[in-house]
C-alpha atoms as a PDB file:
ATOM      1  CA  MET A   1     136.612  84.590  98.114  1.00  0.00           C
ATOM      2  CA  THR A   2     133.659  86.591  99.414  1.00  0.00           C
ATOM      3  CA  GLN A   3     132.153  84.893 101.976  1.00  0.00           C
ATOM      4  CA  SER A   4     128.662  83.619 101.033  1.00  0.00           C
ATOM      5  CA  LYS A   5     125.343  85.636 101.609  1.00  0.00           C
ATOM      6  CA  THR A   6     121.894  84.705 101.457  1.00  0.00           C
ATOM      7  CA  VAL A   7     120.370  87.268  99.530  1.00  0.00           C
ATOM      8  CA  LEU A   8     116.752  87.618  98.385  1.00  0.00           C
ATOM      9  CA  ILE A   9     115.578  89.495  95.263  1.00  0.00           C
ATOM     10  CA  THR A  10     112.383  91.143  94.102  1.00  0.00           C
ATOM     11  CA  GLY A  11     111.062  91.459  90.653  1.00  0.00           C
ATOM     12  CA  ALA A  12     113.983  89.010  89.880  1.00  0.00           C
ATOM     13  CA  SER A  13     111.953  87.388  86.941  1.00  0.00           C
ATOM     14  CA  SER A  14     113.565  89.848  84.228  1.00  0.00           C
ATOM     15  CA  GLY A  15     116.013  92.853  83.933  1.00  0.00           C
ATOM     16  CA  ILE A  16     118.230  93.953  86.871  1.00  0.00           C
ATOM     17  CA  GLY A  17     116.841  91.441  88.918  1.00  0.00           C
ATOM     18  CA  GLU A  18     117.637  88.442  86.957  1.00  0.00           C
ATOM     19  CA  ALA A  19     121.062  89.617  86.352  1.00  0.00           C
ATOM     20  CA  THR A  20     121.498  90.163  89.684  1.00  0.00           C
ATOM     21  CA  ALA A  21     120.824  86.797  90.356  1.00  0.00           C
ATOM     22  CA  ARG A  22     122.660  85.093  87.803  1.00  0.00           C
ATOM     23  CA  LYS A  23     125.663  87.893  88.966  1.00  0.00           C
ATOM     24  CA  LEU A  24     125.324  86.970  93.040  1.00  0.00           C
ATOM     25  CA  ALA A  25     124.979  83.092  92.543  1.00  0.00           C
ATOM     26  CA  ALA A  26     128.373  83.081  90.429  1.00  0.00           C
ATOM     27  CA  ASP A  27     129.921  84.890  92.906  1.00  0.00           C
ATOM     28  CA  GLY A  28     129.145  81.698  95.654  1.00  0.00           C
ATOM     29  CA  HIS A  29     125.753  83.647  97.044  1.00  0.00           C
ATOM     30  CA  GLN A  30     122.529  81.956  97.530  1.00  0.00           C
ATOM     31  CA  VAL A  31     119.916  83.542  96.206  1.00  0.00           C
ATOM     32  CA  PHE A  32     116.304  83.604  96.925  1.00  0.00           C
ATOM     33  CA  LEU A  33     114.094  84.772  94.141  1.00  0.00           C
ATOM     34  CA  GLY A  34     110.623  86.663  93.896  1.00  0.00           C
ATOM     35  CA  ALA A  35     108.508  87.842  91.487  1.00  0.00           C
ATOM     36  CA  ARG A  36     104.860  87.532  90.272  1.00  0.00           C
ATOM     37  CA  ARG A  37     106.229  85.666  87.087  1.00  0.00           C
ATOM     38  CA  VAL A  38     106.771  81.940  88.791  1.00  0.00           C
ATOM     39  CA  ASP A  39     107.691  80.598  85.385  1.00  0.00           C
ATOM     40  CA  ARG A  40     110.601  82.690  84.624  1.00  0.00           C
ATOM     41  CA  LEU A  41     111.367  82.424  88.046  1.00  0.00           C
ATOM     42  CA  GLU A  42     111.855  78.458  87.967  1.00  0.00           C
ATOM     43  CA  HIS A  43     113.485  78.716  84.540  1.00  0.00           C
ATOM     44  CA  LEU A  44     116.296  80.932  86.223  1.00  0.00           C
ATOM     45  CA  VAL A  45     116.663  78.821  89.202  1.00  0.00           C
ATOM     46  CA  GLY A  46     117.126  75.617  86.672  1.00  0.00           C
ATOM     47  CA  GLU A  47     119.608  77.714  84.760  1.00  0.00           C
ATOM     48  CA  ILE A  48     121.674  79.181  88.179  1.00  0.00           C
ATOM     49  CA  THR A  49     121.551  75.315  89.391  1.00  0.00           C
ATOM     50  CA  ASP A  50     122.636  73.655  86.671  1.00  0.00           C
ATOM     51  CA  ALA A  51     125.352  75.988  86.068  1.00  0.00           C
ATOM     52  CA  GLY A  52     126.410  74.712  90.207  1.00  0.00           C
ATOM     53  CA  GLY A  53     124.836  77.819  91.999  1.00  0.00           C
ATOM     54  CA  ARG A  54     122.340  77.568  94.806  1.00  0.00           C
ATOM     55  CA  ALA A  55     119.197  79.063  93.721  1.00  0.00           C
ATOM     56  CA  ALA A  56     115.168  79.078  94.933  1.00  0.00           C
ATOM     57  CA  CYS A  57     112.319  80.751  94.229  1.00  0.00           C
ATOM     58  CA  ARG A  58     108.926  81.795  95.188  1.00  0.00           C
ATOM     59  CA  SER A  59     106.112  83.802  93.904  1.00  0.00           C
ATOM     60  CA  VAL A  60     105.483  87.540  95.883  1.00  0.00           C
ATOM     61  CA  ASP A  61     103.525  90.203  95.160  1.00  0.00           C
ATOM     62  CA  VAL A  62     105.476  93.291  96.773  1.00  0.00           C
ATOM     63  CA  THR A  63     102.483  95.124  97.349  1.00  0.00           C
ATOM     64  CA  ASP A  64     100.878  92.856  99.826  1.00  0.00           C
ATOM     65  CA  LEU A  65     102.639  92.542 103.246  1.00  0.00           C
ATOM     66  CA  SER A  66     101.623  89.739 104.162  1.00  0.00           C
ATOM     67  CA  ASP A  67     102.976  88.328 100.862  1.00  0.00           C
ATOM     68  CA  VAL A  68     106.208  89.848 101.297  1.00  0.00           C
ATOM     69  CA  ARG A  69     106.605  88.632 105.064  1.00  0.00           C
ATOM     70  CA  SER A  70     105.876  85.369 103.934  1.00  0.00           C
ATOM     71  CA  PHE A  71     108.203  85.344 100.826  1.00  0.00           C
ATOM     72  CA  VAL A  72     110.858  86.223 103.412  1.00  0.00           C
ATOM     73  CA  SER A  73     110.152  83.946 106.116  1.00  0.00           C
ATOM     74  CA  THR A  74     110.253  81.193 103.737  1.00  0.00           C
ATOM     75  CA  ALA A  75     113.912  82.011 102.828  1.00  0.00           C
ATOM     76  CA  HIS A  76     114.630  82.455 106.565  1.00  0.00           C
ATOM     77  CA  GLU A  77     113.100  78.961 107.208  1.00  0.00           C
ATOM     78  CA  ARG A  78     115.237  77.476 104.245  1.00  0.00           C
ATOM     79  CA  PHE A  79     118.662  78.918 104.709  1.00  0.00           C
ATOM     80  CA  GLY A  80     118.933  80.085 108.219  1.00  0.00           C
ATOM     81  CA  ARG A  81     119.198  83.872 108.109  1.00  0.00           C
ATOM     82  CA  ILE A  82     118.987  86.767 105.872  1.00  0.00           C
ATOM     83  CA  ASP A  83     121.689  88.850 104.704  1.00  0.00           C
ATOM     84  CA  VAL A  84     120.600  90.728 101.803  1.00  0.00           C
ATOM     85  CA  MET A  85     117.311  92.169 100.708  1.00  0.00           C
ATOM     86  CA  VAL A  86     117.431  93.549  97.428  1.00  0.00           C
ATOM     87  CA  ASN A  87     114.005  95.343  96.773  1.00  0.00           C
ATOM     88  CA  ASN A  88     113.783  95.388  92.979  1.00  0.00           C
ATOM     89  CA  ALA A  89     110.608  95.233  91.915  1.00  0.00           C
ATOM     90  CA  GLY A  90     109.330  98.401  90.075  1.00  0.00           C
ATOM     91  CA  VAL A  91     107.217 100.031  87.524  1.00  0.00           C
ATOM     92  CA  MET A  92     107.509 102.961  85.371  1.00  0.00           C
ATOM     93  CA  PRO A  93     104.071 103.611  83.379  1.00  0.00           C
ATOM     94  CA  LEU A  94     104.878 107.272  82.600  1.00  0.00           C
ATOM     95  CA  SER A  95     102.440 109.981  81.690  1.00  0.00           C
ATOM     96  CA  PRO A  96     102.078 113.710  81.760  1.00  0.00           C
ATOM     97  CA  LEU A  97      99.768 114.645  85.080  1.00  0.00           C
ATOM     98  CA  ASN A  98      97.434 116.345  82.738  1.00  0.00           C
ATOM     99  CA  ALA A  99      96.537 112.434  81.419  1.00  0.00           C
ATOM    100  CA  LEU A 100      95.053 111.806  84.828  1.00  0.00           C
ATOM    101  CA  LYS A 101      96.344 108.257  84.800  1.00  0.00           C
ATOM    102  CA  VAL A 102      95.681 107.971  88.405  1.00  0.00           C
ATOM    103  CA  ASP A 103      95.294 103.907  88.343  1.00  0.00           C
ATOM    104  CA  GLU A 104      99.000 104.357  87.161  1.00  0.00           C
ATOM    105  CA  TRP A 105      99.888 106.616  89.499  1.00  0.00           C
ATOM    106  CA  ASN A 106      98.315 104.523  92.498  1.00  0.00           C
ATOM    107  CA  ARG A 107     100.338 101.099  90.975  1.00  0.00           C
ATOM    108  CA  MET A 108     103.779 103.091  90.856  1.00  0.00           C
ATOM    109  CA  LEU A 109     103.167 104.253  94.743  1.00  0.00           C
ATOM    110  CA  ASP A 110     102.257 100.823  95.900  1.00  0.00           C
ATOM    111  CA  VAL A 111     105.413  98.800  93.817  1.00  0.00           C
ATOM    112  CA  ASN A 112     107.895 101.359  93.743  1.00  0.00           C
ATOM    113  CA  VAL A 113     107.095 102.741  97.093  1.00  0.00           C
ATOM    114  CA  ARG A 114     105.218 100.362  99.591  1.00  0.00           C
ATOM    115  CA  GLY A 115     107.111  97.595  98.291  1.00  0.00           C
ATOM    116  CA  VAL A 116     110.442  98.876  99.309  1.00  0.00           C
ATOM    117  CA  LEU A 117     108.822  99.293 102.907  1.00  0.00           C
ATOM    118  CA  HIS A 118     107.126  95.891 102.911  1.00  0.00           C
ATOM    119  CA  GLY A 119     110.858  94.443 102.250  1.00  0.00           C
ATOM    120  CA  ILE A 120     112.197  96.361 105.207  1.00  0.00           C
ATOM    121  CA  ALA A 121     109.259  95.644 107.330  1.00  0.00           C
ATOM    122  CA  ALA A 122     109.380  91.910 106.884  1.00  0.00           C
ATOM    123  CA  ALA A 123     113.770  91.688 106.751  1.00  0.00           C
ATOM    124  CA  LEU A 124     114.357  94.217 109.320  1.00  0.00           C
ATOM    125  CA  PRO A 125     113.496  92.345 112.197  1.00  0.00           C
ATOM    126  CA  ILE A 126     115.272  89.094 111.138  1.00  0.00           C
ATOM    127  CA  MET A 127     118.765  91.316 110.673  1.00  0.00           C
ATOM    128  CA  GLN A 128     118.303  93.386 113.621  1.00  0.00           C
ATOM    129  CA  ALA A 129     117.893  89.933 115.773  1.00  0.00           C
ATOM    130  CA  GLN A 130     121.100  88.438 114.549  1.00  0.00           C
ATOM    131  CA  GLY A 131     123.390  91.547 114.383  1.00  0.00           C
ATOM    132  CA  SER A 132     123.631  92.266 110.898  1.00  0.00           C
ATOM    133  CA  GLY A 133     122.209  92.582 107.324  1.00  0.00           C
ATOM    134  CA  HIS A 134     121.770  94.865 104.143  1.00  0.00           C
ATOM    135  CA  PHE A 135     119.479  96.208 102.352  1.00  0.00           C
ATOM    136  CA  VAL A 136     119.679  97.345  98.487  1.00  0.00           C
ATOM    137  CA  ASN A 137     116.928  99.325  97.337  1.00  0.00           C
ATOM    138  CA  LEU A 138     116.524 100.183  93.633  1.00  0.00           C
ATOM    139  CA  ALA A 139     116.036 103.668  93.178  1.00  0.00           C
ATOM    140  CA  SER A 140     116.828 105.761  89.527  1.00  0.00           C
ATOM    141  CA  VAL A 141     118.508 108.951  87.801  1.00  0.00           C
ATOM    142  CA  GLY A 142     115.043 110.185  88.639  1.00  0.00           C
ATOM    143  CA  ALA A 143     115.725 110.108  92.186  1.00  0.00           C
ATOM    144  CA  TYR A 144     117.914 113.194  91.573  1.00  0.00           C
ATOM    145  CA  GLU A 145     115.982 114.862  88.667  1.00  0.00           C
ATOM    146  CA  VAL A 146     112.637 115.165  87.606  1.00  0.00           C
ATOM    147  CA  VAL A 147     111.033 115.286  83.837  1.00  0.00           C
ATOM    148  CA  PRO A 148     108.436 115.556  81.922  1.00  0.00           C
ATOM    149  CA  THR A 149     105.852 112.734  82.140  1.00  0.00           C
ATOM    150  CA  ALA A 150     107.885 111.394  85.170  1.00  0.00           C
ATOM    151  CA  ALA A 151     106.659 113.699  87.628  1.00  0.00           C
ATOM    152  CA  VAL A 152     104.776 110.567  89.572  1.00  0.00           C
ATOM    153  CA  TYR A 153     108.053 107.872  89.104  1.00  0.00           C
ATOM    154  CA  CYS A 154     110.539 110.400  89.675  1.00  0.00           C
ATOM    155  CA  ALA A 155     108.680 111.010  93.321  1.00  0.00           C
ATOM    156  CA  THR A 156     108.285 107.406  94.069  1.00  0.00           C
ATOM    157  CA  LYS A 157     112.003 106.802  93.604  1.00  0.00           C
ATOM    158  CA  PHE A 158     113.046 110.390  95.625  1.00  0.00           C
ATOM    159  CA  ALA A 159     111.148 108.610  98.238  1.00  0.00           C
ATOM    160  CA  VAL A 160     113.429 105.158  97.824  1.00  0.00           C
ATOM    161  CA  ARG A 161     116.060 107.467  98.223  1.00  0.00           C
ATOM    162  CA  ALA A 162     114.862 109.199 101.493  1.00  0.00           C
ATOM    163  CA  ILE A 163     113.625 105.861 103.349  1.00  0.00           C
ATOM    164  CA  SER A 164     116.955 104.246 102.120  1.00  0.00           C
ATOM    165  CA  GLU A 165     119.185 107.220 104.171  1.00  0.00           C
ATOM    166  CA  GLY A 166     115.980 107.122 106.908  1.00  0.00           C
ATOM    167  CA  LEU A 167     117.152 103.427 107.399  1.00  0.00           C
ATOM    168  CA  ARG A 168     120.662 104.372 107.432  1.00  0.00           C
ATOM    169  CA  GLN A 169     120.651 106.853 109.999  1.00  0.00           C
ATOM    170  CA  GLU A 170     118.531 104.689 112.443  1.00  0.00           C
ATOM    171  CA  SER A 171     120.415 101.380 111.999  1.00  0.00           C
ATOM    172  CA  SER A 172     123.248 101.748 114.188  1.00  0.00           C
ATOM    173  CA  GLY A 173     126.034 100.490 111.748  1.00  0.00           C
ATOM    174  CA  ASP A 174     124.205  97.135 112.541  1.00  0.00           C
ATOM    175  CA  VAL A 175     122.138  96.977 109.048  1.00  0.00           C
ATOM    176  CA  ARG A 176     123.888  98.675 105.973  1.00  0.00           C
ATOM    177  CA  VAL A 177     121.788 100.675 103.244  1.00  0.00           C
ATOM    178  CA  THR A 178     122.712 100.849 100.246  1.00  0.00           C
ATOM    179  CA  THR A 179     120.477 102.972  96.771  1.00  0.00           C
ATOM    180  CA  ILE A 180     121.486 101.760  93.731  1.00  0.00           C
ATOM    181  CA  ALA A 181     120.055 104.189  90.967  1.00  0.00           C
ATOM    182  CA  PRO A 182     120.766 103.040  87.656  1.00  0.00           C
ATOM    183  CA  GLY A 183     120.353 105.357  84.263  1.00  0.00           C
ATOM    184  CA  VAL A 184     118.841 104.318  81.163  1.00  0.00           C
ATOM    185  CA  THR A 185     119.250  99.933  81.533  1.00  0.00           C
ATOM    186  CA  GLU A 186     118.213  97.535  79.537  1.00  0.00           C
ATOM    187  CA  SER A 187     114.832  96.142  81.052  1.00  0.00           C
ATOM    188  CA  GLU A 188     111.396  95.409  80.276  1.00  0.00           C
ATOM    189  CA  LEU A 189     110.445  98.698  82.173  1.00  0.00           C
ATOM    190  CA  ALA A 190     109.269 100.736  80.043  1.00  0.00           C
ATOM    191  CA  ASP A 191     107.008  98.387  78.695  1.00  0.00           C
ATOM    192  CA  SER A 192     103.998  99.565  80.767  1.00  0.00           C
ATOM    193  CA  ILE A 193     104.413 103.134  79.614  1.00  0.00           C
ATOM    194  CA  SER A 194     100.505 103.334  78.193  1.00  0.00           C
ATOM    195  CA  ASP A 195     100.762 106.761  77.100  1.00  0.00           C
ATOM    196  CA  ASP A 196     101.831 106.906  73.448  1.00  0.00           C
ATOM    197  CA  LYS A 197     103.661 109.887  73.707  1.00  0.00           C
ATOM    198  CA  ALA A 198     105.259 108.739  76.650  1.00  0.00           C
ATOM    199  CA  ARG A 199     106.527 105.913  75.077  1.00  0.00           C
ATOM    200  CA  GLU A 200     107.625 107.544  71.927  1.00  0.00           C
ATOM    201  CA  GLU A 201     109.544 109.547  73.566  1.00  0.00           C
ATOM    202  CA  MET A 202     110.869 106.746  76.048  1.00  0.00           C
ATOM    203  CA  GLN A 203     111.937 104.781  72.472  1.00  0.00           C
ATOM    204  CA  THR A 204     114.116 107.988  71.881  1.00  0.00           C
ATOM    205  CA  TYR A 205     115.305 108.535  75.346  1.00  0.00           C
ATOM    206  CA  ARG A 206     116.542 104.486  75.794  1.00  0.00           C
ATOM    207  CA  SER A 207     118.456 104.116  72.542  1.00  0.00           C
ATOM    208  CA  VAL A 208     121.483 104.254  74.597  1.00  0.00           C
ATOM    209  CA  ALA A 209     121.784 102.135  77.573  1.00  0.00           C
ATOM    210  CA  ILE A 210     123.461 100.137  79.512  1.00  0.00           C
ATOM    211  CA  PRO A 211     123.240  96.116  80.303  1.00  0.00           C
ATOM    212  CA  ALA A 212     121.312  95.158  83.574  1.00  0.00           C
ATOM    213  CA  ALA A 213     124.398  93.239  84.024  1.00  0.00           C
ATOM    214  CA  ALA A 214     126.666  96.594  84.816  1.00  0.00           C
ATOM    215  CA  VAL A 215     123.768  97.394  87.625  1.00  0.00           C
ATOM    216  CA  ALA A 216     124.410  94.310  89.009  1.00  0.00           C
ATOM    217  CA  ASP A 217     127.923  94.574  88.896  1.00  0.00           C
ATOM    218  CA  ALA A 218     127.067  97.443  91.173  1.00  0.00           C
ATOM    219  CA  ILE A 219     125.370  95.523  93.370  1.00  0.00           C
ATOM    220  CA  ALA A 220     127.510  92.970  93.881  1.00  0.00           C
ATOM    221  CA  PHE A 221     130.123  95.923  94.409  1.00  0.00           C
ATOM    222  CA  ALA A 222     128.408  97.001  97.720  1.00  0.00           C
ATOM    223  CA  ILE A 223     127.863  93.486  99.413  1.00  0.00           C
ATOM    224  CA  GLY A 224     131.078  92.359  98.956  1.00  0.00           C
ATOM    225  CA  GLN A 225     132.572  95.426 100.994  1.00  0.00           C
ATOM    226  CA  PRO A 226     133.824  94.283 104.392  1.00  0.00           C
ATOM    227  CA  ALA A 227     131.495  94.772 107.578  1.00  0.00           C
ATOM    228  CA  GLU A 228     132.799  98.068 108.310  1.00  0.00           C
ATOM    229  CA  VAL A 229     131.904  99.562 105.318  1.00  0.00           C
ATOM    230  CA  ASP A 230     129.027 100.828 103.938  1.00  0.00           C
ATOM    231  CA  VAL A 231     128.648 101.720 100.019  1.00  0.00           C
ATOM    232  CA  ASN A 232     125.404 104.204 100.761  1.00  0.00           C
ATOM    233  CA  GLU A 233     124.642 105.359  96.849  1.00  0.00           C
ATOM    234  CA  ILE A 234     125.770 104.343  93.454  1.00  0.00           C
ATOM    235  CA  ILE A 235     124.559 106.101  90.363  1.00  0.00           C
ATOM    236  CA  VAL A 236     125.124 104.045  86.983  1.00  0.00           C
ATOM    237  CA  ARG A 237     124.872 105.535  83.566  1.00  0.00           C
ATOM    238  CA  PRO A 238     125.498 105.284  80.143  1.00  0.00           C
ATOM    239  CA  SER A 239     129.022 107.066  80.088  1.00  0.00           C
ATOM    240  CA  ALA A 240     127.300 108.448  76.416  1.00  0.00           C
ATOM    241  CA  SER A 241     124.379 109.872  77.928  1.00  0.00           C
ATOM    242  CA  ALA A 242     123.903 113.027  79.782  1.00  0.00           C
ATOM    243  CA  GLN A 243     121.056 111.595  81.917  1.00  0.00           C
END
């Protein structure tokens, strides 16, 4: 049986975050869940605990460093250690650059890039002090290619991949780092697209998708490896899709 770990998950109220919480709790880990939609978090915690799992939650805005630090410190005080930090929160309001949706560009930078950095800033000192830890950062197949309407989104995911690799190189083996890059996955991620053309194209693009549980399985695999094994990158995408 895999050793029980304390796992923090941002963006846990739906999609990949929710599926990961369910999977890891079922595997015997204790999960601490964060998102802005507290009602959904509380419902999820109730379902996990009713099934015999261990879970708790707290609201968190990943764009606010002090709030992320409070989220992490609350989990640390409750469980005594932080074994895994899953930086999952993300947004994807796609649009062509000439639409000049600057507010949406900034939102993607704040959530997708600063959110990951804030998670690292909050959890890394604790992991270093305890001599072990594991960051799982959610990127995308967009971290490896750029497509029209996704320039800024892909840039944020290229950044997640770069940040993860830099952290891995600096960790000296005490802190493991995994980048998970999902292809098209069933989630609410595309709901934030306000550009009509980009939304229409994304509906076609997302006609073939994998369940969020498939990405959760990949995360479970990475954190379940022995301490001397560091799974650095996993790409998970539909077998029927070239994207």
